[in-house]
Amino acid sequence: MDYIILDIEFNGRKFASDLPMEVIEIGAVRLDASLNEVDEFSALIKPVYFSKLNAFIKKKTGIPQEDIDEAAGFRKVITDFLAWLGRSEELLLVTWGGEDLKRIVFDTRMHKLDDAYWMAAHYFDLLKGFTRFKKVTNDVSVEAALVDLNIVAEGTAHRALDDAKMTAEVFRSIFTELDFERKQQYVDMYTNAKERRLIKTAVKTIHMQKVVPTWELFVEKYFADKIEAADAKKVAEMQTLFAAEVAKGVPVAKPTGTAGNTARITTEDTATST
């Protein structure tokens, strides 16, 4: 088993635009079963939109505009990257968060290429692995993880290959603590983080009001002005997320004698209580 530590940079921006963000750099290192680095991949990509990098991106990444101007397009680079990945008989992608694979999938589709490889690939989210290991809930950067682990960072942050190398250092350091049963595959999401937080908050609030949470009530109170304009796939996903959140029930204190413990009241309990 080879471990491919992957990082990408994309032309994210501080201003609003309907034009897509695109991958502008791919960096990866290949670790063998003994966690030795045996190979690396690095390539810049010339974007279709915003081919002139804005000041924010140039400052964040340090990528010179002239290097972007001379870079190959996404089709060429992703073909080369897939060929590079193909050198491993068996591999697991390792990323810091889920954004890297998402951006590759989006750009693959934007360029009308087959996304089958990326949809079938398994990846391990090392950010989640690190936060589980540290028993914390807040996300942290790779650089912060290195500091926490007393590892001296080398390279330049926000350059894909250097970030991949730094991520590899974290991976090696906590490898024995990672649960690889938690590997994932990319799944399309139609809701954004704000909408998913809204669902959690709404269900919690409705429970606190001692009312049975229903989809109709949620729409009426929290989403009425948006539901008509929402994409059908987004609505279906929100309904699924809402149902899952409701199924968790609401924690309540147990009777005296079981201090410190909690029970859960489900929707069914609420609906049938008198």
C-alpha atoms as a PDB file:
ATOM      1  CA  MET A   1       0.000   0.000   0.000  1.00  0.00           C
ATOM      2  CA  ASP A   2       1.296   3.435  -0.984  1.00  0.00           C
ATOM      3  CA  TYR A   3       0.069   6.594   0.697  1.00  0.00           C
ATOM      4  CA  ILE A   4      -0.325   9.601  -1.589  1.00  0.00           C
ATOM      5  CA  ILE A   5      -0.204  12.795   0.463  1.00  0.00           C
ATOM      6  CA  LEU A   6      -2.051  15.321  -1.702  1.00  0.00           C
ATOM      7  CA  ASP A   7      -2.364  19.077  -1.560  1.00  0.00           C
ATOM      8  CA  ILE A   8      -3.735  21.602  -4.039  1.00  0.00           C
ATOM      9  CA  GLU A   9      -3.824  25.351  -4.302  1.00  0.00           C
ATOM     10  CA  PHE A  10      -6.725  27.080  -6.021  1.00  0.00           C
ATOM     11  CA  ASN A  11      -7.527  30.607  -7.061  1.00  0.00           C
ATOM     12  CA  GLY A  12      -9.755  31.337  -4.115  1.00  0.00           C
ATOM     13  CA  ARG A  13     -10.568  34.997  -3.662  1.00  0.00           C
ATOM     14  CA  LYS A  14     -11.901  37.504  -1.195  1.00  0.00           C
ATOM     15  CA  PHE A  15     -14.492  38.969  -3.560  1.00  0.00           C
ATOM     16  CA  ALA A  16     -17.783  37.516  -4.795  1.00  0.00           C
ATOM     17  CA  SER A  17     -18.039  36.103  -8.310  1.00  0.00           C
ATOM     18  CA  ASP A  18     -20.172  33.648 -10.245  1.00  0.00           C
ATOM     19  CA  LEU A  19     -17.061  32.379 -12.014  1.00  0.00           C
ATOM     20  CA  PRO A  20     -15.582  29.137 -10.674  1.00  0.00           C
ATOM     21  CA  MET A  21     -12.497  28.830  -8.531  1.00  0.00           C
ATOM     22  CA  GLU A  22      -9.930  26.565 -10.185  1.00  0.00           C
ATOM     23  CA  VAL A  23      -6.987  24.419  -9.166  1.00  0.00           C
ATOM     24  CA  ILE A  24      -3.752  26.255  -9.928  1.00  0.00           C
ATOM     25  CA  GLU A  25      -1.249  23.843  -8.385  1.00  0.00           C
ATOM     26  CA  ILE A  26      -1.085  20.136  -7.497  1.00  0.00           C
ATOM     27  CA  GLY A  27       1.564  18.749  -5.177  1.00  0.00           C
ATOM     28  CA  ALA A  28       1.864  15.208  -3.860  1.00  0.00           C
ATOM     29  CA  VAL A  29       4.355  12.868  -2.248  1.00  0.00           C
ATOM     30  CA  ARG A  30       4.273   9.092  -2.403  1.00  0.00           C
ATOM     31  CA  LEU A  31       5.040   7.204   0.800  1.00  0.00           C
ATOM     32  CA  ASP A  32       5.659   3.466   0.674  1.00  0.00           C
ATOM     33  CA  ALA A  33       4.316   0.971   3.214  1.00  0.00           C
ATOM     34  CA  SER A  34       7.208   1.886   5.523  1.00  0.00           C
ATOM     35  CA  LEU A  35       6.247   5.578   5.242  1.00  0.00           C
ATOM     36  CA  ASN A  36       9.406   6.447   3.335  1.00  0.00           C
ATOM     37  CA  GLU A  37       9.031   9.151   0.691  1.00  0.00           C
ATOM     38  CA  VAL A  38       9.810   7.515  -2.640  1.00  0.00           C
ATOM     39  CA  ASP A  39       8.441   9.966  -5.213  1.00  0.00           C
ATOM     40  CA  GLU A  40       6.858  13.371  -5.647  1.00  0.00           C
ATOM     41  CA  PHE A  41       4.664  15.272  -8.103  1.00  0.00           C
ATOM     42  CA  SER A  42       4.431  19.017  -8.596  1.00  0.00           C
ATOM     43  CA  ALA A  43       2.789  21.085 -11.322  1.00  0.00           C
ATOM     44  CA  LEU A  44       1.271  24.514 -11.778  1.00  0.00           C
ATOM     45  CA  ILE A  45      -1.947  24.889 -13.781  1.00  0.00           C
ATOM     46  CA  LYS A  46      -3.014  27.853 -15.872  1.00  0.00           C
ATOM     47  CA  PRO A  47      -6.664  28.594 -15.012  1.00  0.00           C
ATOM     48  CA  VAL A  48      -9.316  29.321 -17.605  1.00  0.00           C
ATOM     49  CA  TYR A  49     -10.908  32.048 -15.478  1.00  0.00           C
ATOM     50  CA  PHE A  50      -8.927  34.661 -13.559  1.00  0.00           C
ATOM     51  CA  SER A  51      -5.749  33.771 -15.432  1.00  0.00           C
ATOM     52  CA  LYS A  52      -4.252  36.856 -13.800  1.00  0.00           C
ATOM     53  CA  LEU A  53      -3.799  36.005 -10.120  1.00  0.00           C
ATOM     54  CA  ASN A  54      -5.191  38.609  -7.766  1.00  0.00           C
ATOM     55  CA  ALA A  55      -3.049  40.223  -5.075  1.00  0.00           C
ATOM     56  CA  PHE A  56      -4.553  38.036  -2.349  1.00  0.00           C
ATOM     57  CA  ILE A  57      -3.551  34.788  -4.055  1.00  0.00           C
ATOM     58  CA  LYS A  58      -0.135  36.040  -5.100  1.00  0.00           C
ATOM     59  CA  LYS A  59       0.602  37.080  -1.528  1.00  0.00           C
ATOM     60  CA  LYS A  60      -0.820  33.887  -0.012  1.00  0.00           C
ATOM     61  CA  THR A  61       0.947  31.418  -2.300  1.00  0.00           C
ATOM     62  CA  GLY A  62       3.925  33.371  -3.569  1.00  0.00           C
ATOM     63  CA  ILE A  63       3.314  31.932  -7.045  1.00  0.00           C
ATOM     64  CA  PRO A  64       4.772  34.289  -9.677  1.00  0.00           C
ATOM     65  CA  GLN A  65       2.372  35.386 -12.418  1.00  0.00           C
ATOM     66  CA  GLU A  66       4.916  34.505 -15.102  1.00  0.00           C
ATOM     67  CA  ASP A  67       5.001  30.897 -13.873  1.00  0.00           C
ATOM     68  CA  ILE A  68       1.211  30.674 -14.154  1.00  0.00           C
ATOM     69  CA  ASP A  69       1.358  32.201 -17.636  1.00  0.00           C
ATOM     70  CA  GLU A  70       3.736  29.452 -18.767  1.00  0.00           C
ATOM     71  CA  ALA A  71       1.907  26.581 -17.011  1.00  0.00           C
ATOM     72  CA  ALA A  72      -0.009  23.844 -18.803  1.00  0.00           C
ATOM     73  CA  GLY A  73      -3.786  23.637 -18.607  1.00  0.00           C
ATOM     74  CA  PHE A  74      -5.793  21.399 -16.300  1.00  0.00           C
ATOM     75  CA  ARG A  75      -6.361  18.658 -18.895  1.00  0.00           C
ATOM     76  CA  LYS A  76      -2.628  18.126 -19.417  1.00  0.00           C
ATOM     77  CA  VAL A  77      -1.685  18.294 -15.740  1.00  0.00           C
ATOM     78  CA  ILE A  78      -4.457  16.021 -14.483  1.00  0.00           C
ATOM     79  CA  THR A  79      -3.588  13.446 -17.170  1.00  0.00           C
ATOM     80  CA  ASP A  80       0.044  13.534 -16.023  1.00  0.00           C
ATOM     81  CA  PHE A  81      -1.030  13.260 -12.394  1.00  0.00           C
ATOM     82  CA  LEU A  82      -3.245  10.249 -13.063  1.00  0.00           C
ATOM     83  CA  ALA A  83      -0.336   8.564 -14.852  1.00  0.00           C
ATOM     84  CA  TRP A  84       1.861   9.310 -11.827  1.00  0.00           C
ATOM     85  CA  LEU A  85      -0.747   7.845  -9.467  1.00  0.00           C
ATOM     86  CA  GLY A  86      -0.873   4.760 -11.686  1.00  0.00           C
ATOM     87  CA  ARG A  87       2.661   3.824 -10.647  1.00  0.00           C
ATOM     88  CA  SER A  88       1.217   2.519  -7.372  1.00  0.00           C
ATOM     89  CA  GLU A  89      -0.416  -0.911  -7.444  1.00  0.00           C
ATOM     90  CA  GLU A  90      -2.535   0.074  -4.446  1.00  0.00           C
ATOM     91  CA  LEU A  91      -2.862   3.513  -2.897  1.00  0.00           C
ATOM     92  CA  LEU A  92      -4.751   5.624  -0.417  1.00  0.00           C
ATOM     93  CA  LEU A  93      -5.031   9.375  -0.915  1.00  0.00           C
ATOM     94  CA  VAL A  94      -4.375  11.411   2.216  1.00  0.00           C
ATOM     95  CA  THR A  95      -5.579  15.013   2.406  1.00  0.00           C
ATOM     96  CA  TRP A  96      -5.840  17.733   5.035  1.00  0.00           C
ATOM     97  CA  GLY A  97      -9.601  18.244   4.932  1.00  0.00           C
ATOM     98  CA  GLY A  98     -11.954  17.441   2.069  1.00  0.00           C
ATOM     99  CA  GLU A  99     -11.473  20.495  -0.116  1.00  0.00           C
ATOM    100  CA  ASP A 100      -8.588  19.138  -2.216  1.00  0.00           C
ATOM    101  CA  LEU A 101     -10.482  16.225  -3.712  1.00  0.00           C
ATOM    102  CA  LYS A 102     -13.608  18.334  -4.122  1.00  0.00           C
ATOM    103  CA  ARG A 103     -11.744  20.912  -6.214  1.00  0.00           C
ATOM    104  CA  ILE A 104     -10.197  18.234  -8.408  1.00  0.00           C
ATOM    105  CA  VAL A 105     -13.633  16.699  -9.016  1.00  0.00           C
ATOM    106  CA  PHE A 106     -15.141  20.104  -9.836  1.00  0.00           C
ATOM    107  CA  ASP A 107     -12.385  20.983 -12.308  1.00  0.00           C
ATOM    108  CA  THR A 108     -12.513  17.526 -13.886  1.00  0.00           C
ATOM    109  CA  ARG A 109     -16.201  18.066 -14.580  1.00  0.00           C
ATOM    110  CA  MET A 110     -15.709  21.665 -15.705  1.00  0.00           C
ATOM    111  CA  HIS A 111     -13.282  20.433 -18.352  1.00  0.00           C
ATOM    112  CA  LYS A 112     -15.768  17.689 -19.338  1.00  0.00           C
ATOM    113  CA  LEU A 113     -13.422  14.879 -18.314  1.00  0.00           C
ATOM    114  CA  ASP A 114     -14.410  11.541 -16.810  1.00  0.00           C
ATOM    115  CA  ASP A 115     -14.602  11.808 -13.011  1.00  0.00           C
ATOM    116  CA  ALA A 116     -14.917   8.036 -12.433  1.00  0.00           C
ATOM    117  CA  TYR A 117     -11.414   7.649 -10.991  1.00  0.00           C
ATOM    118  CA  TRP A 118     -11.932  10.395  -8.414  1.00  0.00           C
ATOM    119  CA  MET A 119     -15.417   9.248  -7.436  1.00  0.00           C
ATOM    120  CA  ALA A 120     -14.127   5.700  -6.849  1.00  0.00           C
ATOM    121  CA  ALA A 121     -10.914   6.691  -5.070  1.00  0.00           C
ATOM    122  CA  HIS A 122     -10.640   6.303  -1.316  1.00  0.00           C
ATOM    123  CA  TYR A 123      -9.114   9.090   0.705  1.00  0.00           C
ATOM    124  CA  PHE A 124      -8.304   9.631   4.362  1.00  0.00           C
ATOM    125  CA  ASP A 125      -8.965  13.035   5.902  1.00  0.00           C
ATOM    126  CA  LEU A 126      -5.904  13.560   8.098  1.00  0.00           C
ATOM    127  CA  LEU A 127      -7.358  16.756   9.579  1.00  0.00           C
ATOM    128  CA  LYS A 128     -10.199  14.715  11.085  1.00  0.00           C
ATOM    129  CA  GLY A 129      -7.717  12.034  12.098  1.00  0.00           C
ATOM    130  CA  PHE A 130      -5.598  14.626  13.898  1.00  0.00           C
ATOM    131  CA  THR A 131      -8.541  16.242  15.723  1.00  0.00           C
ATOM    132  CA  ARG A 132      -9.793  12.814  16.831  1.00  0.00           C
ATOM    133  CA  PHE A 133      -6.299  11.968  18.060  1.00  0.00           C
ATOM    134  CA  LYS A 134      -6.068  15.244  19.999  1.00  0.00           C
ATOM    135  CA  LYS A 135      -9.716  15.051  21.113  1.00  0.00           C
ATOM    136  CA  VAL A 136     -10.455  18.571  19.923  1.00  0.00           C
ATOM    137  CA  THR A 137     -13.311  19.894  17.819  1.00  0.00           C
ATOM    138  CA  ASN A 138     -11.781  22.961  16.191  1.00  0.00           C
ATOM    139  CA  ASP A 139     -10.040  22.608  12.841  1.00  0.00           C
ATOM    140  CA  VAL A 140      -6.339  23.402  12.787  1.00  0.00           C
ATOM    141  CA  SER A 141      -3.847  24.138  10.048  1.00  0.00           C
ATOM    142  CA  VAL A 142      -1.054  21.771   9.076  1.00  0.00           C
ATOM    143  CA  GLU A 143       1.420  24.296  10.441  1.00  0.00           C
ATOM    144  CA  ALA A 144      -0.365  24.357  13.819  1.00  0.00           C
ATOM    145  CA  ALA A 145      -0.404  20.553  13.892  1.00  0.00           C
ATOM    146  CA  LEU A 146       3.356  20.486  13.305  1.00  0.00           C
ATOM    147  CA  VAL A 147       3.905  22.924  16.175  1.00  0.00           C
ATOM    148  CA  ASP A 148       1.680  20.829  18.425  1.00  0.00           C
ATOM    149  CA  LEU A 149       3.710  17.731  17.558  1.00  0.00           C
ATOM    150  CA  ASN A 150       7.034  19.555  18.044  1.00  0.00           C
ATOM    151  CA  ILE A 151       7.990  19.073  14.397  1.00  0.00           C
ATOM    152  CA  VAL A 152       9.999  21.810  12.724  1.00  0.00           C
ATOM    153  CA  ALA A 153       8.213  22.887   9.545  1.00  0.00           C
ATOM    154  CA  GLU A 154      10.240  23.058   6.363  1.00  0.00           C
ATOM    155  CA  GLY A 155       9.257  24.640   3.077  1.00  0.00           C
ATOM    156  CA  THR A 156       6.780  27.359   2.180  1.00  0.00           C
ATOM    157  CA  ALA A 157       3.195  27.220   3.418  1.00  0.00           C
ATOM    158  CA  HIS A 158       0.509  27.433   0.711  1.00  0.00           C
ATOM    159  CA  ARG A 159       2.680  25.897  -1.972  1.00  0.00           C
ATOM    160  CA  ALA A 160       1.212  22.521  -2.844  1.00  0.00           C
ATOM    161  CA  LEU A 161       4.308  20.305  -2.754  1.00  0.00           C
ATOM    162  CA  ASP A 162       5.673  21.879   0.431  1.00  0.00           C
ATOM    163  CA  ASP A 163       2.261  21.565   2.103  1.00  0.00           C
ATOM    164  CA  ALA A 164       2.094  17.919   1.023  1.00  0.00           C
ATOM    165  CA  LYS A 165       5.522  17.302   2.562  1.00  0.00           C
ATOM    166  CA  MET A 166       4.472  18.983   5.818  1.00  0.00           C
ATOM    167  CA  THR A 167       1.257  16.958   5.866  1.00  0.00           C
ATOM    168  CA  ALA A 168       3.350  13.825   5.386  1.00  0.00           C
ATOM    169  CA  GLU A 169       5.314  14.697   8.529  1.00  0.00           C
ATOM    170  CA  VAL A 170       2.083  14.855  10.541  1.00  0.00           C
ATOM    171  CA  PHE A 171       0.929  11.609   8.940  1.00  0.00           C
ATOM    172  CA  ARG A 172       4.104   9.774   9.932  1.00  0.00           C
ATOM    173  CA  SER A 173       4.011  11.161  13.452  1.00  0.00           C
ATOM    174  CA  ILE A 174       0.512   9.929  14.320  1.00  0.00           C
ATOM    175  CA  PHE A 175       0.218   7.033  11.853  1.00  0.00           C
ATOM    176  CA  THR A 176      -0.243   4.365  14.549  1.00  0.00           C
ATOM    177  CA  GLU A 177      -3.101   6.384  16.096  1.00  0.00           C
ATOM    178  CA  LEU A 178      -5.142   6.652  12.895  1.00  0.00           C
ATOM    179  CA  ASP A 179      -8.253   4.597  12.197  1.00  0.00           C
ATOM    180  CA  PHE A 180      -8.115   3.815   8.502  1.00  0.00           C
ATOM    181  CA  GLU A 181     -11.580   2.271   8.652  1.00  0.00           C
ATOM    182  CA  ARG A 182     -12.666   5.907   8.450  1.00  0.00           C
ATOM    183  CA  LYS A 183     -11.404   6.310   4.905  1.00  0.00           C
ATOM    184  CA  GLN A 184     -13.933   7.986   2.625  1.00  0.00           C
ATOM    185  CA  GLN A 185     -15.029   8.468  -0.942  1.00  0.00           C
ATOM    186  CA  TYR A 186     -16.067  11.779  -2.411  1.00  0.00           C
ATOM    187  CA  VAL A 187     -19.801  12.462  -2.198  1.00  0.00           C
ATOM    188  CA  ASP A 188     -21.469  15.422  -3.880  1.00  0.00           C
ATOM    189  CA  MET A 189     -22.925  17.926  -1.434  1.00  0.00           C
ATOM    190  CA  TYR A 190     -25.531  20.444  -2.573  1.00  0.00           C
ATOM    191  CA  THR A 191     -25.886  22.271   0.737  1.00  0.00           C
ATOM    192  CA  ASN A 192     -23.274  24.593   2.169  1.00  0.00           C
ATOM    193  CA  ALA A 193     -21.897  24.687   5.704  1.00  0.00           C
ATOM    194  CA  LYS A 194     -24.215  27.564   6.685  1.00  0.00           C
ATOM    195  CA  GLU A 195     -27.305  25.603   5.627  1.00  0.00           C
ATOM    196  CA  ARG A 196     -26.153  22.495   7.460  1.00  0.00           C
ATOM    197  CA  ARG A 197     -25.583  24.518  10.642  1.00  0.00           C
ATOM    198  CA  LEU A 198     -29.047  26.044  10.203  1.00  0.00           C
ATOM    199  CA  ILE A 199     -30.621  22.579  10.214  1.00  0.00           C
ATOM    200  CA  LYS A 200     -28.796  21.568  13.400  1.00  0.00           C
ATOM    201  CA  THR A 201     -29.722  24.796  15.153  1.00  0.00           C
ATOM    202  CA  ALA A 202     -33.338  24.647  14.019  1.00  0.00           C
ATOM    203  CA  VAL A 203     -33.876  21.079  15.216  1.00  0.00           C
ATOM    204  CA  LYS A 204     -32.287  21.900  18.574  1.00  0.00           C
ATOM    205  CA  THR A 205     -34.452  25.022  18.952  1.00  0.00           C
ATOM    206  CA  ILE A 206     -37.666  23.204  18.042  1.00  0.00           C
ATOM    207  CA  HIS A 207     -36.855  20.455  20.554  1.00  0.00           C
ATOM    208  CA  MET A 208     -36.266  23.070  23.270  1.00  0.00           C
ATOM    209  CA  GLN A 209     -39.706  24.498  22.528  1.00  0.00           C
ATOM    210  CA  LYS A 210     -41.117  21.016  23.222  1.00  0.00           C
ATOM    211  CA  VAL A 211     -42.580  20.804  19.745  1.00  0.00           C
ATOM    212  CA  VAL A 212     -42.298  17.833  17.414  1.00  0.00           C
ATOM    213  CA  PRO A 213     -39.827  18.834  14.686  1.00  0.00           C
ATOM    214  CA  THR A 214     -41.281  18.300  11.222  1.00  0.00           C
ATOM    215  CA  TRP A 215     -39.958  19.256   7.813  1.00  0.00           C
ATOM    216  CA  GLU A 216     -43.000  21.464   7.199  1.00  0.00           C
ATOM    217  CA  LEU A 217     -42.373  23.359  10.439  1.00  0.00           C
ATOM    218  CA  PHE A 218     -38.699  23.829   9.591  1.00  0.00           C
ATOM    219  CA  VAL A 219     -39.529  25.224   6.147  1.00  0.00           C
ATOM    220  CA  GLU A 220     -42.163  27.561   7.555  1.00  0.00           C
ATOM    221  CA  LYS A 221     -39.930  29.019  10.251  1.00  0.00           C
ATOM    222  CA  TYR A 222     -36.458  28.905   8.733  1.00  0.00           C
ATOM    223  CA  PHE A 223     -36.495  28.387   4.984  1.00  0.00           C
ATOM    224  CA  ALA A 224     -39.827  29.639   3.651  1.00  0.00           C
ATOM    225  CA  ASP A 225     -38.417  32.499   1.573  1.00  0.00           C
ATOM    226  CA  LYS A 226     -35.793  30.287  -0.046  1.00  0.00           C
ATOM    227  CA  ILE A 227     -37.433  26.920  -0.645  1.00  0.00           C
ATOM    228  CA  GLU A 228     -39.066  27.873  -3.952  1.00  0.00           C
ATOM    229  CA  ALA A 229     -35.770  29.007  -5.454  1.00  0.00           C
ATOM    230  CA  ALA A 230     -33.733  26.111  -4.091  1.00  0.00           C
ATOM    231  CA  ASP A 231     -32.397  23.391  -6.359  1.00  0.00           C
ATOM    232  CA  ALA A 232     -34.333  20.113  -6.056  1.00  0.00           C
ATOM    233  CA  LYS A 233     -31.131  18.226  -5.180  1.00  0.00           C
ATOM    234  CA  LYS A 234     -30.398  20.686  -2.389  1.00  0.00           C
ATOM    235  CA  VAL A 235     -33.902  20.350  -0.979  1.00  0.00           C
ATOM    236  CA  ALA A 236     -33.684  16.559  -1.040  1.00  0.00           C
ATOM    237  CA  GLU A 237     -30.323  16.666   0.725  1.00  0.00           C
ATOM    238  CA  MET A 238     -31.665  19.075   3.345  1.00  0.00           C
ATOM    239  CA  GLN A 239     -34.600  16.762   4.007  1.00  0.00           C
ATOM    240  CA  THR A 240     -32.204  13.865   4.529  1.00  0.00           C
ATOM    241  CA  LEU A 241     -29.995  15.915   6.861  1.00  0.00           C
ATOM    242  CA  PHE A 242     -33.057  17.168   8.742  1.00  0.00           C
ATOM    243  CA  ALA A 243     -34.363  13.636   9.244  1.00  0.00           C
ATOM    244  CA  ALA A 244     -30.950  12.460  10.472  1.00  0.00           C
ATOM    245  CA  GLU A 245     -30.736  15.332  12.940  1.00  0.00           C
ATOM    246  CA  VAL A 246     -34.247  14.670  14.245  1.00  0.00           C
ATOM    247  CA  ALA A 247     -33.434  10.961  14.649  1.00  0.00           C
ATOM    248  CA  LYS A 248     -30.636  11.863  17.066  1.00  0.00           C
ATOM    249  CA  GLY A 249     -33.225  13.092  19.539  1.00  0.00           C
ATOM    250  CA  VAL A 250     -32.488  15.665  22.236  1.00  0.00           C
ATOM    251  CA  PRO A 251     -30.348  14.992  25.344  1.00  0.00           C
ATOM    252  CA  VAL A 252     -32.068  15.450  28.699  1.00  0.00           C
ATOM    253  CA  ALA A 253     -30.928  14.891  32.261  1.00  0.00           C
ATOM    254  CA  LYS A 254     -31.669  11.492  33.781  1.00  0.00           C
ATOM    255  CA  PRO A 255     -33.548  11.215  37.101  1.00  0.00           C
ATOM    256  CA  THR A 256     -31.706  11.839  40.395  1.00  0.00           C
ATOM    257  CA  GLY A 257     -29.089   9.225  41.122  1.00  0.00           C
ATOM    258  CA  THR A 258     -27.575   9.230  37.661  1.00  0.00           C
ATOM    259  CA  ALA A 259     -25.894  12.619  37.788  1.00  0.00           C
ATOM    260  CA  GLY A 260     -23.560  13.362  34.932  1.00  0.00           C
ATOM    261  CA  ASN A 261     -25.387  11.033  32.540  1.00  0.00           C
ATOM    262  CA  THR A 262     -27.916  11.931  29.891  1.00  0.00           C
ATOM    263  CA  ALA A 263     -30.722  10.166  28.119  1.00  0.00           C
ATOM    264  CA  ARG A 264     -32.084  10.928  24.681  1.00  0.00           C
ATOM    265  CA  ILE A 265     -35.650  11.736  23.737  1.00  0.00           C
ATOM    266  CA  THR A 266     -36.492  10.855  20.159  1.00  0.00           C
ATOM    267  CA  THR A 267     -39.208  12.304  17.978  1.00  0.00           C
ATOM    268  CA  GLU A 268     -41.293   9.204  18.599  1.00  0.00           C
ATOM    269  CA  ASP A 269     -41.016   9.715  22.379  1.00  0.00           C
ATOM    270  CA  THR A 270     -42.097  13.332  22.039  1.00  0.00           C
ATOM    271  CA  ALA A 271     -44.998  12.498  19.767  1.00  0.00           C
ATOM    272  CA  THR A 272     -46.457   9.836  22.089  1.00  0.00           C
ATOM    273  CA  SER A 273     -45.846  11.459  25.489  1.00  0.00           C
ATOM    274  CA  THR A 274     -48.718  12.936  27.456  1.00  0.00           C
END
